[in-house]
């Protein structure tokens, strides 16, 4: 396990972003304008070693594989608890701060975005 965090709140705009395959995580204490579009969380564990292609991303009971990691993405996770996850299955991240993962079922993931649920990468 290289990353584990507990969801503390879900911004009101998360659902619409997730419908488009994007999930934004931000550590507790994010500015209000970022909190509106983010899943706020409290990091339990974040190693300095970035995930690799094929690592498993789990949100509650839903899982998918990571397909790409932008060059700046993991540093932002470790430093600020912030990352953009794009469920587009891309083999290369379009933005340096992005993690790409295989497509997911929007409705199933949304059910697992609840305060107290765990998001992990391992």
PDB file of N, CA and C in Angstrom:
ATOM      1  N   UNK A   1       0.851  -1.175   0.000  1.00  0.00           N
ATOM      2  CA  UNK A   1       0.000   0.000   0.000  1.00  0.00           C
ATOM      3  C   UNK A   1       0.899   1.241   0.000  1.00  0.00           C
ATOM      4  N   UNK A   2       0.760   2.071  -1.037  1.00  0.00           N
ATOM      5  CA  UNK A   2       1.580   3.283  -1.086  1.00  0.00           C
ATOM      6  C   UNK A   2       0.784   4.538  -0.752  1.00  0.00           C
ATOM      7  N   UNK A   3      -0.552   4.414  -0.730  1.00  0.00           N
ATOM      8  CA  UNK A   3      -1.385   5.572  -0.422  1.00  0.00           C
ATOM      9  C   UNK A   3      -2.693   5.096   0.185  1.00  0.00           C
ATOM     10  N   UNK A   4      -3.094   5.777   1.247  1.00  0.00           N
ATOM     11  CA  UNK A   4      -4.375   5.500   1.880  1.00  0.00           C
ATOM     12  C   UNK A   4      -4.878   6.795   2.484  1.00  0.00           C
ATOM     13  N   UNK A   5      -6.150   7.109   2.225  1.00  0.00           N
ATOM     14  CA  UNK A   5      -6.736   8.329   2.758  1.00  0.00           C
ATOM     15  C   UNK A   5      -8.198   8.087   3.080  1.00  0.00           C
ATOM     16  N   UNK A   6      -8.697   8.831   4.038  1.00  0.00           N
ATOM     17  CA  UNK A   6     -10.096   8.699   4.449  1.00  0.00           C
ATOM     18  C   UNK A   6     -10.878   9.916   3.979  1.00  0.00           C
ATOM     19  N   UNK A   7     -11.982   9.665   3.301  1.00  0.00           N
ATOM     20  CA  UNK A   7     -12.839  10.740   2.797  1.00  0.00           C
ATOM     21  C   UNK A   7     -13.491  11.459   3.971  1.00  0.00           C
ATOM     22  N   UNK A   8     -13.432  12.811   3.942  1.00  0.00           N
ATOM     23  CA  UNK A   8     -14.075  13.579   5.000  1.00  0.00           C
ATOM     24  C   UNK A   8     -15.279  14.378   4.491  1.00  0.00           C
ATOM     25  N   UNK A   9     -15.265  14.781   3.211  1.00  0.00           N
ATOM     26  CA  UNK A   9     -16.401  15.541   2.652  1.00  0.00           C
ATOM     27  C   UNK A   9     -16.362  15.452   1.129  1.00  0.00           C
ATOM     28  N   UNK A  10     -17.521  15.645   0.518  1.00  0.00           N
ATOM     29  CA  UNK A  10     -17.654  15.604  -0.945  1.00  0.00           C
ATOM     30  C   UNK A  10     -18.258  16.925  -1.388  1.00  0.00           C
ATOM     31  N   UNK A  11     -17.534  17.640  -2.249  1.00  0.00           N
ATOM     32  CA  UNK A  11     -18.020  18.921  -2.751  1.00  0.00           C
ATOM     33  C   UNK A  11     -19.243  18.751  -3.635  1.00  0.00           C
ATOM     34  N   UNK A  12     -20.091  19.776  -3.735  1.00  0.00           N
ATOM     35  CA  UNK A  12     -21.334  19.674  -4.492  1.00  0.00           C
ATOM     36  C   UNK A  12     -21.145  19.495  -6.002  1.00  0.00           C
ATOM     37  N   UNK A  13     -19.972  19.809  -6.527  1.00  0.00           N
ATOM     38  CA  UNK A  13     -19.726  19.681  -7.967  1.00  0.00           C
ATOM     39  C   UNK A  13     -19.029  18.371  -8.348  1.00  0.00           C
ATOM     40  N   UNK A  14     -18.713  17.531  -7.361  1.00  0.00           N
ATOM     41  CA  UNK A  14     -17.985  16.284  -7.627  1.00  0.00           C
ATOM     42  C   UNK A  14     -18.757  15.385  -8.582  1.00  0.00           C
ATOM     43  N   UNK A  15     -20.064  15.252  -8.388  1.00  0.00           N
ATOM     44  CA  UNK A  15     -20.877  14.368  -9.228  1.00  0.00           C
ATOM     45  C   UNK A  15     -20.769  14.742 -10.701  1.00  0.00           C
ATOM     46  N   UNK A  16     -20.894  16.015 -11.020  1.00  0.00           N
ATOM     47  CA  UNK A  16     -20.857  16.416 -12.435  1.00  0.00           C
ATOM     48  C   UNK A  16     -19.469  16.204 -13.038  1.00  0.00           C
ATOM     49  N   UNK A  17     -18.415  16.412 -12.268  1.00  0.00           N
ATOM     50  CA  UNK A  17     -17.070  16.134 -12.782  1.00  0.00           C
ATOM     51  C   UNK A  17     -16.874  14.638 -12.997  1.00  0.00           C
ATOM     52  N   UNK A  18     -17.366  13.843 -12.049  1.00  0.00           N
ATOM     53  CA  UNK A  18     -17.216  12.397 -12.154  1.00  0.00           C
ATOM     54  C   UNK A  18     -17.974  11.848 -13.360  1.00  0.00           C
ATOM     55  N   UNK A  19     -19.106  12.444 -13.700  1.00  0.00           N
ATOM     56  CA  UNK A  19     -19.838  12.035 -14.912  1.00  0.00           C
ATOM     57  C   UNK A  19     -18.954  12.175 -16.148  1.00  0.00           C
ATOM     58  N   UNK A  20     -18.027  13.134 -16.111  1.00  0.00           N
ATOM     59  CA  UNK A  20     -17.098  13.358 -17.221  1.00  0.00           C
ATOM     60  C   UNK A  20     -15.775  12.631 -17.018  1.00  0.00           C
ATOM     61  N   UNK A  21     -15.718  11.735 -16.030  1.00  0.00           N
ATOM     62  CA  UNK A  21     -14.545  10.903 -15.825  1.00  0.00           C
ATOM     63  C   UNK A  21     -13.419  11.553 -15.054  1.00  0.00           C
ATOM     64  N   UNK A  22     -13.705  12.596 -14.280  1.00  0.00           N
ATOM     65  CA  UNK A  22     -12.662  13.291 -13.537  1.00  0.00           C
ATOM     66  C   UNK A  22     -13.012  13.319 -12.049  1.00  0.00           C
ATOM     67  N   UNK A  23     -12.016  13.016 -11.221  1.00  0.00           N
ATOM     68  CA  UNK A  23     -12.173  13.078  -9.772  1.00  0.00           C
ATOM     69  C   UNK A  23     -11.004  13.869  -9.208  1.00  0.00           C
ATOM     70  N   UNK A  24     -11.312  14.873  -8.400  1.00  0.00           N
ATOM     71  CA  UNK A  24     -10.281  15.715  -7.802  1.00  0.00           C
ATOM     72  C   UNK A  24     -10.249  15.441  -6.307  1.00  0.00           C
ATOM     73  N   UNK A  25      -9.052  15.131  -5.806  1.00  0.00           N
ATOM     74  CA  UNK A  25      -8.854  14.946  -4.373  1.00  0.00           C
ATOM     75  C   UNK A  25      -8.078  16.133  -3.835  1.00  0.00           C
ATOM     76  N   UNK A  26      -8.476  16.610  -2.663  1.00  0.00           N
ATOM     77  CA  UNK A  26      -7.754  17.696  -2.004  1.00  0.00           C
ATOM     78  C   UNK A  26      -7.814  17.437  -0.504  1.00  0.00           C
ATOM     79  N   UNK A  27      -6.696  17.620   0.173  1.00  0.00           N
ATOM     80  CA  UNK A  27      -6.654  17.415   1.618  1.00  0.00           C
ATOM     81  C   UNK A  27      -7.572  18.408   2.318  1.00  0.00           C
ATOM     82  N   UNK A  28      -8.026  18.031   3.511  1.00  0.00           N
ATOM     83  CA  UNK A  28      -8.856  18.913   4.325  1.00  0.00           C
ATOM     84  C   UNK A  28      -8.190  20.276   4.438  1.00  0.00           C
ATOM     85  N   UNK A  29      -9.006  21.324   4.447  1.00  0.00           N
ATOM     86  CA  UNK A  29      -8.476  22.674   4.547  1.00  0.00           C
ATOM     87  C   UNK A  29      -8.318  23.361   3.204  1.00  0.00           C
ATOM     88  N   UNK A  30      -8.794  22.728   2.134  1.00  0.00           N
ATOM     89  CA  UNK A  30      -8.727  23.335   0.807  1.00  0.00           C
ATOM     90  C   UNK A  30      -9.547  24.618   0.782  1.00  0.00           C
ATOM     91  N   UNK A  31      -9.123  25.604  -0.022  1.00  0.00           N
ATOM     92  CA  UNK A  31      -9.932  26.820  -0.159  1.00  0.00           C
ATOM     93  C   UNK A  31     -11.345  26.469  -0.641  1.00  0.00           C
ATOM     94  N   UNK A  32     -12.354  27.268  -0.246  1.00  0.00           N
ATOM     95  CA  UNK A  32     -13.754  26.946  -0.584  1.00  0.00           C
ATOM     96  C   UNK A  32     -14.000  26.699  -2.071  1.00  0.00           C
ATOM     97  N   UNK A  33     -13.373  27.477  -2.946  1.00  0.00           N
ATOM     98  CA  UNK A  33     -13.606  27.295  -4.386  1.00  0.00           C
ATOM     99  C   UNK A  33     -13.068  25.955  -4.883  1.00  0.00           C
ATOM    100  N   UNK A  34     -12.035  25.422  -4.240  1.00  0.00           N
ATOM    101  CA  UNK A  34     -11.518  24.103  -4.602  1.00  0.00           C
ATOM    102  C   UNK A  34     -12.317  23.003  -3.915  1.00  0.00           C
ATOM    103  N   UNK A  35     -12.768  23.257  -2.709  1.00  0.00           N
ATOM    104  CA  UNK A  35     -13.559  22.267  -1.974  1.00  0.00           C
ATOM    105  C   UNK A  35     -14.857  21.937  -2.713  1.00  0.00           C
ATOM    106  N   UNK A  36     -15.418  22.898  -3.437  1.00  0.00           N
ATOM    107  CA  UNK A  36     -16.671  22.668  -4.173  1.00  0.00           C
ATOM    108  C   UNK A  36     -16.547  21.577  -5.222  1.00  0.00           C
ATOM    109  N   UNK A  37     -15.356  21.420  -5.799  1.00  0.00           N
ATOM    110  CA  UNK A  37     -15.161  20.462  -6.887  1.00  0.00           C
ATOM    111  C   UNK A  37     -14.354  19.240  -6.456  1.00  0.00           C
ATOM    112  N   UNK A  38     -14.063  19.137  -5.160  1.00  0.00           N
ATOM    113  CA  UNK A  38     -13.138  18.111  -4.681  1.00  0.00           C
ATOM    114  C   UNK A  38     -13.762  17.155  -3.674  1.00  0.00           C
ATOM    115  N   UNK A  39     -13.118  15.993  -3.590  1.00  0.00           N
ATOM    116  CA  UNK A  39     -13.338  15.084  -2.481  1.00  0.00           C
ATOM    117  C   UNK A  39     -12.280  15.461  -1.451  1.00  0.00           C
ATOM    118  N   UNK A  40     -12.728  15.952  -0.306  1.00  0.00           N
ATOM    119  CA  UNK A  40     -11.797  16.318   0.750  1.00  0.00           C
ATOM    120  C   UNK A  40     -11.457  15.066   1.557  1.00  0.00           C
ATOM    121  N   UNK A  41     -10.211  14.996   1.997  1.00  0.00           N
ATOM    122  CA  UNK A  41      -9.764  13.766   2.652  1.00  0.00           C
ATOM    123  C   UNK A  41      -8.652  14.042   3.641  1.00  0.00           C
ATOM    124  N   UNK A  42      -8.396  13.050   4.479  1.00  0.00           N
ATOM    125  CA  UNK A  42      -7.308  13.098   5.448  1.00  0.00           C
ATOM    126  C   UNK A  42      -6.369  11.931   5.137  1.00  0.00           C
ATOM    127  N   UNK A  43      -5.143  12.263   4.717  1.00  0.00           N
ATOM    128  CA  UNK A  43      -4.170  11.242   4.326  1.00  0.00           C
ATOM    129  C   UNK A  43      -3.762  10.413   5.536  1.00  0.00           C
ATOM    130  N   UNK A  44      -3.835   9.109   5.374  1.00  0.00           N
ATOM    131  CA  UNK A  44      -3.378   8.165   6.401  1.00  0.00           C
ATOM    132  C   UNK A  44      -1.958   7.702   6.100  1.00  0.00           C
ATOM    133  N   UNK A  45      -1.672   7.491   4.784  1.00  0.00           N
ATOM    134  CA  UNK A  45      -0.343   7.037   4.367  1.00  0.00           C
ATOM    135  C   UNK A  45      -0.098   7.503   2.945  1.00  0.00           C
ATOM    136  N   UNK A  46       1.092   8.063   2.713  1.00  0.00           N
ATOM    137  CA  UNK A  46       1.517   8.437   1.359  1.00  0.00           C
ATOM    138  C   UNK A  46       3.028   8.281   1.290  1.00  0.00           C
ATOM    139  N   UNK A  47       3.492   7.258   0.607  1.00  0.00           N
ATOM    140  CA  UNK A  47       4.925   7.053   0.472  1.00  0.00           C
ATOM    141  C   UNK A  47       5.475   8.021  -0.561  1.00  0.00           C
ATOM    142  N   UNK A  48       6.773   8.227  -0.552  1.00  0.00           N
ATOM    143  CA  UNK A  48       7.390   9.099  -1.547  1.00  0.00           C
ATOM    144  C   UNK A  48       7.493   8.402  -2.900  1.00  0.00           C
ATOM    145  N   UNK A  49       7.330   7.094  -2.906  1.00  0.00           N
ATOM    146  CA  UNK A  49       7.383   6.323  -4.154  1.00  0.00           C
ATOM    147  C   UNK A  49       6.050   6.426  -4.882  1.00  0.00           C
ATOM    148  N   UNK A  50       6.084   6.951  -6.100  1.00  0.00           N
ATOM    149  CA  UNK A  50       4.864   7.125  -6.898  1.00  0.00           C
ATOM    150  C   UNK A  50       4.314   5.778  -7.352  1.00  0.00           C
ATOM    151  N   UNK A  51       3.007   5.705  -7.561  1.00  0.00           N
ATOM    152  CA  UNK A  51       2.437   4.470  -8.106  1.00  0.00           C
ATOM    153  C   UNK A  51       2.934   4.257  -9.531  1.00  0.00           C
ATOM    154  N   UNK A  52       2.897   3.019  -9.956  1.00  0.00           N
ATOM    155  CA  UNK A  52       3.310   2.672 -11.313  1.00  0.00           C
ATOM    156  C   UNK A  52       2.088   2.260 -12.123  1.00  0.00           C
ATOM    157  N   UNK A  53       2.260   2.224 -13.425  1.00  0.00           N
ATOM    158  CA  UNK A  53       1.196   1.738 -14.297  1.00  0.00           C
ATOM    159  C   UNK A  53       0.836   0.320 -13.855  1.00  0.00           C
ATOM    160  N   UNK A  54      -0.439   0.076 -13.703  1.00  0.00           N
ATOM    161  CA  UNK A  54      -0.921  -1.219 -13.252  1.00  0.00           C
ATOM    162  C   UNK A  54      -1.256  -1.259 -11.777  1.00  0.00           C
ATOM    163  N   UNK A  55      -0.815  -0.248 -11.004  1.00  0.00           N
ATOM    164  CA  UNK A  55      -1.192  -0.180  -9.593  1.00  0.00           C
ATOM    165  C   UNK A  55      -2.711  -0.092  -9.488  1.00  0.00           C
ATOM    166  N   UNK A  56      -3.255  -0.605  -8.407  1.00  0.00           N
ATOM    167  CA  UNK A  56      -4.703  -0.633  -8.222  1.00  0.00           C
ATOM    168  C   UNK A  56      -5.148   0.569  -7.393  1.00  0.00           C
ATOM    169  N   UNK A  57      -6.093   1.322  -7.959  1.00  0.00           N
ATOM    170  CA  UNK A  57      -6.743   2.437  -7.275  1.00  0.00           C
ATOM    171  C   UNK A  57      -8.086   1.928  -6.776  1.00  0.00           C
ATOM    172  N   UNK A  58      -8.318   2.051  -5.467  1.00  0.00           N
ATOM    173  CA  UNK A  58      -9.564   1.582  -4.872  1.00  0.00           C
ATOM    174  C   UNK A  58     -10.275   2.751  -4.210  1.00  0.00           C
ATOM    175  N   UNK A  59     -11.539   2.894  -4.532  1.00  0.00           N
ATOM    176  CA  UNK A  59     -12.396   3.922  -3.941  1.00  0.00           C
ATOM    177  C   UNK A  59     -13.542   3.176  -3.274  1.00  0.00           C
ATOM    178  N   UNK A  60     -13.504   3.109  -1.943  1.00  0.00           N
ATOM    179  CA  UNK A  60     -14.499   2.306  -1.246  1.00  0.00           C
ATOM    180  C   UNK A  60     -14.380   0.858  -1.678  1.00  0.00           C
ATOM    181  N   UNK A  61     -15.425   0.335  -2.343  1.00  0.00           N
ATOM    182  CA  UNK A  61     -15.420  -1.055  -2.813  1.00  0.00           C
ATOM    183  C   UNK A  61     -15.163  -1.163  -4.316  1.00  0.00           C
ATOM    184  N   UNK A  62     -14.946  -0.039  -4.991  1.00  0.00           N
ATOM    185  CA  UNK A  62     -14.699  -0.030  -6.438  1.00  0.00           C
ATOM    186  C   UNK A  62     -13.203   0.080  -6.723  1.00  0.00           C
ATOM    187  N   UNK A  63     -12.719  -0.671  -7.704  1.00  0.00           N
ATOM    188  CA  UNK A  63     -11.297  -0.650  -8.046  1.00  0.00           C
ATOM    189  C   UNK A  63     -11.085  -0.527  -9.547  1.00  0.00           C
ATOM    190  N   UNK A  64      -9.958   0.056  -9.904  1.00  0.00           N
ATOM    191  CA  UNK A  64      -9.538   0.171 -11.294  1.00  0.00           C
ATOM    192  C   UNK A  64      -8.023   0.239 -11.322  1.00  0.00           C
ATOM    193  N   UNK A  65      -7.441   0.141 -12.511  1.00  0.00           N
ATOM    194  CA  UNK A  65      -5.980   0.185 -12.644  1.00  0.00           C
ATOM    195  C   UNK A  65      -5.510   1.561 -13.087  1.00  0.00           C
ATOM    196  N   UNK A  66      -4.379   1.966 -12.552  1.00  0.00           N
ATOM    197  CA  UNK A  66      -3.731   3.203 -12.982  1.00  0.00           C
ATOM    198  C   UNK A  66      -3.061   2.941 -14.319  1.00  0.00           C
ATOM    199  N   UNK A  67      -3.267   3.849 -15.268  1.00  0.00           N
ATOM    200  CA  UNK A  67      -2.707   3.676 -16.620  1.00  0.00           C
ATOM    201  C   UNK A  67      -1.592   4.671 -16.936  1.00  0.00           C
ATOM    202  N   UNK A  68      -1.485   5.772 -16.173  1.00  0.00           N
ATOM    203  CA  UNK A  68      -0.423   6.760 -16.380  1.00  0.00           C
ATOM    204  C   UNK A  68      -0.331   7.653 -15.144  1.00  0.00           C
ATOM    205  N   UNK A  69       0.876   8.162 -14.900  1.00  0.00           N
ATOM    206  CA  UNK A  69       1.099   9.081 -13.787  1.00  0.00           C
ATOM    207  C   UNK A  69       1.912  10.255 -14.315  1.00  0.00           C
ATOM    208  N   UNK A  70       1.332  11.454 -14.245  1.00  0.00           N
ATOM    209  CA  UNK A  70       2.045  12.653 -14.683  1.00  0.00           C
ATOM    210  C   UNK A  70       3.274  12.896 -13.827  1.00  0.00           C
ATOM    211  N   UNK A  71       4.296  13.564 -14.379  1.00  0.00           N
ATOM    212  CA  UNK A  71       5.568  13.741 -13.671  1.00  0.00           C
ATOM    213  C   UNK A  71       5.469  14.548 -12.372  1.00  0.00           C
ATOM    214  N   UNK A  72       4.472  15.391 -12.224  1.00  0.00           N
ATOM    215  CA  UNK A  72       4.336  16.199 -11.004  1.00  0.00           C
ATOM    216  C   UNK A  72       3.221  15.691 -10.086  1.00  0.00           C
ATOM    217  N   UNK A  73       2.483  14.697 -10.519  1.00  0.00           N
ATOM    218  CA  UNK A  73       1.288  14.263  -9.792  1.00  0.00           C
ATOM    219  C   UNK A  73       1.597  13.769  -8.387  1.00  0.00           C
ATOM    220  N   UNK A  74       2.571  12.915  -8.237  1.00  0.00           N
ATOM    221  CA  UNK A  74       2.785  12.306  -6.930  1.00  0.00           C
ATOM    222  C   UNK A  74       3.357  13.297  -5.930  1.00  0.00           C
ATOM    223  N   UNK A  75       4.200  14.209  -6.381  1.00  0.00           N
ATOM    224  CA  UNK A  75       4.735  15.234  -5.480  1.00  0.00           C
ATOM    225  C   UNK A  75       3.592  16.064  -4.905  1.00  0.00           C
ATOM    226  N   UNK A  76       2.587  16.374  -5.726  1.00  0.00           N
ATOM    227  CA  UNK A  76       1.427  17.131  -5.240  1.00  0.00           C
ATOM    228  C   UNK A  76       0.623  16.323  -4.220  1.00  0.00           C
ATOM    229  N   UNK A  77       0.529  15.022  -4.422  1.00  0.00           N
ATOM    230  CA  UNK A  77      -0.173  14.167  -3.463  1.00  0.00           C
ATOM    231  C   UNK A  77       0.548  14.205  -2.121  1.00  0.00           C
ATOM    232  N   UNK A  78       1.863  14.014  -2.155  1.00  0.00           N
ATOM    233  CA  UNK A  78       2.653  13.975  -0.928  1.00  0.00           C
ATOM    234  C   UNK A  78       2.679  15.343  -0.242  1.00  0.00           C
ATOM    235  N   UNK A  79       2.869  16.420  -1.016  1.00  0.00           N
ATOM    236  CA  UNK A  79       3.008  17.762  -0.441  1.00  0.00           C
ATOM    237  C   UNK A  79       1.690  18.380   0.006  1.00  0.00           C
ATOM    238  N   UNK A  80       0.620  18.186  -0.794  1.00  0.00           N
ATOM    239  CA  UNK A  80      -0.634  18.904  -0.546  1.00  0.00           C
ATOM    240  C   UNK A  80      -1.872  18.013  -0.445  1.00  0.00           C
ATOM    241  N   UNK A  81      -1.719  16.721  -0.678  1.00  0.00           N
ATOM    242  CA  UNK A  81      -2.891  15.850  -0.688  1.00  0.00           C
ATOM    243  C   UNK A  81      -3.806  16.135  -1.864  1.00  0.00           C
ATOM    244  N   UNK A  82      -3.224  16.666  -2.953  1.00  0.00           N
ATOM    245  CA  UNK A  82      -4.018  17.065  -4.114  1.00  0.00           C
ATOM    246  C   UNK A  82      -3.637  16.261  -5.351  1.00  0.00           C
ATOM    247  N   UNK A  83      -4.649  15.816  -6.072  1.00  0.00           N
ATOM    248  CA  UNK A  83      -4.415  15.153  -7.355  1.00  0.00           C
ATOM    249  C   UNK A  83      -5.710  15.163  -8.173  1.00  0.00           C
ATOM    250  N   UNK A  84      -5.543  15.179  -9.475  1.00  0.00           N
ATOM    251  CA  UNK A  84      -6.653  15.024 -10.409  1.00  0.00           C
ATOM    252  C   UNK A  84      -6.537  13.618 -10.991  1.00  0.00           C
ATOM    253  N   UNK A  85      -7.601  12.844 -10.865  1.00  0.00           N
ATOM    254  CA  UNK A  85      -7.634  11.500 -11.448  1.00  0.00           C
ATOM    255  C   UNK A  85      -8.569  11.553 -12.635  1.00  0.00           C
ATOM    256  N   UNK A  86      -8.042  11.170 -13.790  1.00  0.00           N
ATOM    257  CA  UNK A  86      -8.810  11.161 -15.027  1.00  0.00           C
ATOM    258  C   UNK A  86      -9.035   9.702 -15.414  1.00  0.00           C
ATOM    259  N   UNK A  87     -10.294   9.280 -15.412  1.00  0.00           N
ATOM    260  CA  UNK A  87     -10.635   7.887 -15.726  1.00  0.00           C
ATOM    261  C   UNK A  87     -10.810   7.716 -17.236  1.00  0.00           C
ATOM    262  N   UNK A  88      -9.745   8.022 -17.982  1.00  0.00           N
ATOM    263  CA  UNK A  88      -9.801   7.953 -19.443  1.00  0.00           C
ATOM    264  C   UNK A  88      -8.985   6.806 -20.024  1.00  0.00           C
ATOM    265  N   UNK A  89      -8.275   6.074 -19.183  1.00  0.00           N
ATOM    266  CA  UNK A  89      -7.481   4.949 -19.653  1.00  0.00           C
ATOM    267  C   UNK A  89      -6.272   5.339 -20.477  1.00  0.00           C
ATOM    268  N   UNK A  90      -5.893   6.608 -20.470  1.00  0.00           N
ATOM    269  CA  UNK A  90      -4.765   7.085 -21.280  1.00  0.00           C
ATOM    270  C   UNK A  90      -3.454   6.441 -20.833  1.00  0.00           C
ATOM    271  N   UNK A  91      -2.576   6.199 -21.793  1.00  0.00           N
ATOM    272  CA  UNK A  91      -1.265   5.623 -21.478  1.00  0.00           C
ATOM    273  C   UNK A  91      -0.233   6.705 -21.166  1.00  0.00           C
ATOM    274  N   UNK A  92      -0.611   7.974 -21.358  1.00  0.00           N
ATOM    275  CA  UNK A  92       0.251   9.103 -21.001  1.00  0.00           C
ATOM    276  C   UNK A  92      -0.649  10.215 -20.448  1.00  0.00           C
ATOM    277  N   UNK A  93      -0.223  10.808 -19.347  1.00  0.00           N
ATOM    278  CA  UNK A  93      -1.006  11.890 -18.744  1.00  0.00           C
ATOM    279  C   UNK A  93      -0.878  13.149 -19.595  1.00  0.00           C
ATOM    280  N   UNK A  94      -2.008  13.803 -19.863  1.00  0.00           N
ATOM    281  CA  UNK A  94      -1.994  15.044 -20.651  1.00  0.00           C
ATOM    282  C   UNK A  94      -1.440  16.205 -19.853  1.00  0.00           C
ATOM    283  N   UNK A  95      -1.655  16.196 -18.532  1.00  0.00           N
ATOM    284  CA  UNK A  95      -1.185  17.265 -17.654  1.00  0.00           C
ATOM    285  C   UNK A  95      -0.208  16.675 -16.639  1.00  0.00           C
ATOM    286  N   UNK A  96       0.803  17.440 -16.239  1.00  0.00           N
ATOM    287  CA  UNK A  96       1.826  16.892 -15.340  1.00  0.00           C
ATOM    288  C   UNK A  96       1.309  16.482 -13.962  1.00  0.00           C
ATOM    289  N   UNK A  97       0.222  17.100 -13.487  1.00  0.00           N
ATOM    290  CA  UNK A  97      -0.301  16.799 -12.161  1.00  0.00           C
ATOM    291  C   UNK A  97      -1.432  15.807 -12.140  1.00  0.00           C
ATOM    292  N   UNK A  98      -1.550  15.011 -13.179  1.00  0.00           N
ATOM    293  CA  UNK A  98      -2.700  14.123 -13.350  1.00  0.00           C
ATOM    294  C   UNK A  98      -2.296  12.654 -13.237  1.00  0.00           C
ATOM    295  N   UNK A  99      -3.198  11.866 -12.668  1.00  0.00           N
ATOM    296  CA  UNK A  99      -3.077  10.415 -12.705  1.00  0.00           C
ATOM    297  C   UNK A  99      -4.217   9.909 -13.578  1.00  0.00           C
ATOM    298  N   UNK A 100      -3.901   9.036 -14.523  1.00  0.00           N
ATOM    299  CA  UNK A 100      -4.929   8.443 -15.391  1.00  0.00           C
ATOM    300  C   UNK A 100      -5.211   7.014 -14.920  1.00  0.00           C
ATOM    301  N   UNK A 101      -6.467   6.627 -15.053  1.00  0.00           N
ATOM    302  CA  UNK A 101      -6.886   5.284 -14.657  1.00  0.00           C
ATOM    303  C   UNK A 101      -7.884   4.761 -15.677  1.00  0.00           C
ATOM    304  N   UNK A 102      -8.079   3.450 -15.655  1.00  0.00           N
ATOM    305  CA  UNK A 102      -9.056   2.833 -16.556  1.00  0.00           C
ATOM    306  C   UNK A 102     -10.449   3.366 -16.232  1.00  0.00           C
ATOM    307  N   UNK A 103     -11.306   3.346 -17.216  1.00  0.00           N
ATOM    308  CA  UNK A 103     -12.682   3.841 -17.061  1.00  0.00           C
ATOM    309  C   UNK A 103     -13.388   3.127 -15.909  1.00  0.00           C
ATOM    310  N   UNK A 104     -14.297   3.856 -15.274  1.00  0.00           N
ATOM    311  CA  UNK A 104     -15.058   3.329 -14.139  1.00  0.00           C
ATOM    312  C   UNK A 104     -16.542   3.591 -14.369  1.00  0.00           C
ATOM    313  N   UNK A 105     -17.347   2.928 -13.569  1.00  0.00           N
ATOM    314  CA  UNK A 105     -18.791   3.158 -13.582  1.00  0.00           C
ATOM    315  C   UNK A 105     -19.063   4.340 -12.656  1.00  0.00           C
ATOM    316  N   UNK A 106     -19.465   5.449 -13.249  1.00  0.00           N
ATOM    317  CA  UNK A 106     -19.694   6.691 -12.505  1.00  0.00           C
ATOM    318  C   UNK A 106     -20.609   6.477 -11.299  1.00  0.00           C
ATOM    319  N   UNK A 107     -21.731   5.828 -11.506  1.00  0.00           N
ATOM    320  CA  UNK A 107     -22.714   5.640 -10.436  1.00  0.00           C
ATOM    321  C   UNK A 107     -22.146   4.786  -9.303  1.00  0.00           C
ATOM    322  N   UNK A 108     -21.411   3.746  -9.655  1.00  0.00           N
ATOM    323  CA  UNK A 108     -20.837   2.866  -8.628  1.00  0.00           C
ATOM    324  C   UNK A 108     -19.796   3.607  -7.797  1.00  0.00           C
ATOM    325  N   UNK A 109     -18.959   4.401  -8.446  1.00  0.00           N
ATOM    326  CA  UNK A 109     -17.954   5.161  -7.698  1.00  0.00           C
ATOM    327  C   UNK A 109     -18.628   6.201  -6.829  1.00  0.00           C
ATOM    328  N   UNK A 110     -19.621   6.877  -7.355  1.00  0.00           N
ATOM    329  CA  UNK A 110     -20.314   7.906  -6.588  1.00  0.00           C
ATOM    330  C   UNK A 110     -20.884   7.335  -5.284  1.00  0.00           C
ATOM    331  N   UNK A 111     -21.410   6.108  -5.327  1.00  0.00           N
ATOM    332  CA  UNK A 111     -21.932   5.461  -4.126  1.00  0.00           C
ATOM    333  C   UNK A 111     -20.834   5.238  -3.085  1.00  0.00           C
ATOM    334  N   UNK A 112     -19.587   5.144  -3.539  1.00  0.00           N
ATOM    335  CA  UNK A 112     -18.462   4.885  -2.650  1.00  0.00           C
ATOM    336  C   UNK A 112     -17.731   6.154  -2.221  1.00  0.00           C
ATOM    337  N   UNK A 113     -18.234   7.295  -2.621  1.00  0.00           N
ATOM    338  CA  UNK A 113     -17.681   8.572  -2.173  1.00  0.00           C
ATOM    339  C   UNK A 113     -18.515   9.055  -0.993  1.00  0.00           C
ATOM    340  N   UNK A 114     -18.215   8.503   0.155  1.00  0.00           N
ATOM    341  CA  UNK A 114     -18.942   8.811   1.385  1.00  0.00           C
ATOM    342  C   UNK A 114     -17.940   9.131   2.484  1.00  0.00           C
ATOM    343  N   UNK A 115     -18.250  10.089   3.341  1.00  0.00           N
ATOM    344  CA  UNK A 115     -17.360  10.353   4.472  1.00  0.00           C
ATOM    345  C   UNK A 115     -17.075   9.069   5.249  1.00  0.00           C
ATOM    346  N   UNK A 116     -15.810   8.883   5.572  1.00  0.00           N
ATOM    347  CA  UNK A 116     -15.378   7.686   6.290  1.00  0.00           C
ATOM    348  C   UNK A 116     -14.851   6.590   5.391  1.00  0.00           C
ATOM    349  N   UNK A 117     -15.246   6.565   4.106  1.00  0.00           N
ATOM    350  CA  UNK A 117     -14.750   5.560   3.179  1.00  0.00           C
ATOM    351  C   UNK A 117     -13.280   5.840   2.863  1.00  0.00           C
ATOM    352  N   UNK A 118     -12.580   4.801   2.419  1.00  0.00           N
ATOM    353  CA  UNK A 118     -11.145   4.878   2.152  1.00  0.00           C
ATOM    354  C   UNK A 118     -10.873   4.873   0.639  1.00  0.00           C
ATOM    355  N   UNK A 119      -9.913   5.702   0.233  1.00  0.00           N
ATOM    356  CA  UNK A 119      -9.360   5.669  -1.115  1.00  0.00           C
ATOM    357  C   UNK A 119      -7.923   5.210  -0.957  1.00  0.00           C
ATOM    358  N   UNK A 120      -7.515   4.223  -1.763  1.00  0.00           N
ATOM    359  CA  UNK A 120      -6.150   3.717  -1.623  1.00  0.00           C
ATOM    360  C   UNK A 120      -5.532   3.375  -2.974  1.00  0.00           C
ATOM    361  N   UNK A 121      -4.214   3.330  -2.971  1.00  0.00           N
ATOM    362  CA  UNK A 121      -3.457   2.875  -4.132  1.00  0.00           C
ATOM    363  C   UNK A 121      -2.448   1.873  -3.613  1.00  0.00           C
ATOM    364  N   UNK A 122      -2.428   0.721  -4.246  1.00  0.00           N
ATOM    365  CA  UNK A 122      -1.504  -0.314  -3.799  1.00  0.00           C
ATOM    366  C   UNK A 122      -1.189  -1.283  -4.886  1.00  0.00           C
TER     367      UNK A 122
END
